[in-house]
Amino acid sequence: DLRDALNELYPNKWIRRGGLVSWPPRPPDLTPLDFFLWEALKNAIYQNVPTTPENMKQRIIAASTRISSETIRHTRNAAIQRLQLCFDANGHHFEHLL
């Protein structure tokens, strides 16, 4: 099973509900990592199934180096917009305002 494999390869180092790293099931997506980076990397990395942990690492590095400065700038601006919306919503969910 996937959880067993991740626990074996990355003990206590991956985020999951009920794991050592506390993470709410539906947090507001505030950071660029949450609303952009993970999805972009996942799409690039899993176009084909990684074959080994080293292959996975190589794919992550390759996908990360392909992210342009313009994309990073746009992502930063979107993060600032999301922070303002979160502030305006008094810390409540705000995705419907995007």
Protein backbone atom coordinates (compact mmCIF):
# COMPACT_ATOMS: atom_id res chain seq x y z
CA ASP A 1 0.00 0.00 0.00
CA LEU A 2 1.15 3.55 -0.70
CA ARG A 3 1.28 4.68 2.93
CA ASP A 4 3.46 1.71 3.87
CA ALA A 5 5.84 2.45 1.00
CA LEU A 6 6.08 6.14 1.96
CA ASN A 7 6.59 5.24 5.62
CA GLU A 8 9.39 2.89 4.64
CA LEU A 9 11.12 5.31 2.25
CA TYR A 10 10.48 8.54 4.18
CA PRO A 11 9.78 7.67 7.83
CA ASN A 12 8.13 10.57 9.68
CA LYS A 13 8.95 12.96 6.81
CA TRP A 14 5.76 13.12 4.77
CA ILE A 15 2.59 15.03 5.60
CA ARG A 16 -0.62 13.10 6.11
CA ARG A 17 -3.78 13.39 8.12
CA GLY A 18 -3.24 11.85 11.53
CA GLY A 19 0.54 11.83 11.04
CA LEU A 20 3.36 13.40 13.02
CA VAL A 21 3.11 16.63 11.02
CA SER A 22 -0.13 18.32 12.00
CA TRP A 23 -2.07 19.36 8.88
CA PRO A 24 -5.77 20.20 8.80
CA PRO A 25 -7.84 18.35 6.18
CA ARG A 26 -9.11 21.52 4.44
CA PRO A 27 -6.89 24.50 5.27
CA PRO A 28 -7.30 27.76 3.34
CA ASP A 29 -4.78 27.68 0.49
CA LEU A 30 -2.59 30.62 1.41
CA THR A 31 0.91 29.85 0.27
CA PRO A 32 2.26 29.47 -3.26
CA LEU A 33 3.35 25.97 -2.24
CA ASP A 34 -0.26 25.06 -1.51
CA PHE A 35 -2.03 26.62 -4.45
CA PHE A 36 0.56 26.33 -7.19
CA LEU A 37 3.86 24.57 -6.66
CA TRP A 38 2.71 21.13 -5.50
CA GLU A 39 0.21 20.82 -8.35
CA ALA A 40 2.68 22.03 -10.99
CA LEU A 41 5.43 19.70 -9.77
CA LYS A 42 3.08 16.75 -9.40
CA ASN A 43 1.85 17.16 -12.98
CA ALA A 44 5.41 17.33 -14.32
CA ILE A 45 6.80 14.51 -12.18
CA TYR A 46 4.00 11.99 -12.69
CA GLN A 47 3.64 12.25 -16.47
CA ASN A 48 5.24 8.81 -16.23
CA VAL A 49 5.43 6.80 -13.02
CA PRO A 50 8.81 7.29 -11.25
CA THR A 51 10.77 4.06 -11.07
CA THR A 52 12.98 4.57 -8.01
CA PRO A 53 13.45 7.10 -5.19
CA GLU A 54 16.50 8.45 -7.08
CA ASN A 55 14.43 8.78 -10.26
CA MET A 56 11.78 10.66 -8.25
CA LYS A 57 14.45 13.01 -6.88
CA GLN A 58 15.81 13.67 -10.39
CA ARG A 59 12.32 14.44 -11.68
CA ILE A 60 11.63 16.87 -8.83
CA ILE A 61 14.91 18.72 -9.49
CA ALA A 62 14.27 18.84 -13.25
CA ALA A 63 10.69 20.07 -12.84
CA SER A 64 11.80 22.71 -10.32
CA THR A 65 14.47 24.13 -12.61
CA ARG A 66 11.91 24.57 -15.41
CA ILE A 67 9.82 27.05 -13.40
CA SER A 68 10.44 30.49 -14.94
CA SER A 69 11.09 33.77 -13.12
CA GLU A 70 7.87 35.16 -14.62
CA THR A 71 5.90 32.25 -13.17
CA ILE A 72 7.47 32.83 -9.76
CA ARG A 73 6.64 36.56 -9.97
CA HIS A 74 3.03 35.81 -10.92
CA THR A 75 2.77 33.27 -8.09
CA ARG A 76 4.10 35.78 -5.57
CA ASN A 77 1.53 38.36 -6.67
CA ALA A 78 -1.26 35.78 -6.42
CA ALA A 79 -0.09 34.89 -2.89
CA ILE A 80 -0.30 38.55 -1.87
CA GLN A 81 -3.83 38.71 -3.29
CA ARG A 82 -4.82 35.59 -1.34
CA LEU A 83 -3.40 37.00 1.90
CA GLN A 84 -5.44 40.17 1.42
CA LEU A 85 -8.60 38.13 0.76
CA CYS A 86 -7.93 36.05 3.87
CA PHE A 87 -7.51 39.24 5.89
CA ASP A 88 -10.73 40.66 4.41
CA ALA A 89 -12.55 37.41 5.29
CA ASN A 90 -11.28 37.61 8.90
CA GLY A 91 -9.24 34.43 8.47
CA HIS A 92 -12.12 32.35 7.16
CA HIS A 93 -12.23 30.48 3.88
CA PHE A 94 -12.04 32.83 0.93
CA GLU A 95 -11.63 30.66 -2.16
CA HIS A 96 -15.11 31.65 -3.34
CA LEU A 97 -13.82 35.25 -3.57
CA LEU A 98 -11.07 34.43 -6.07
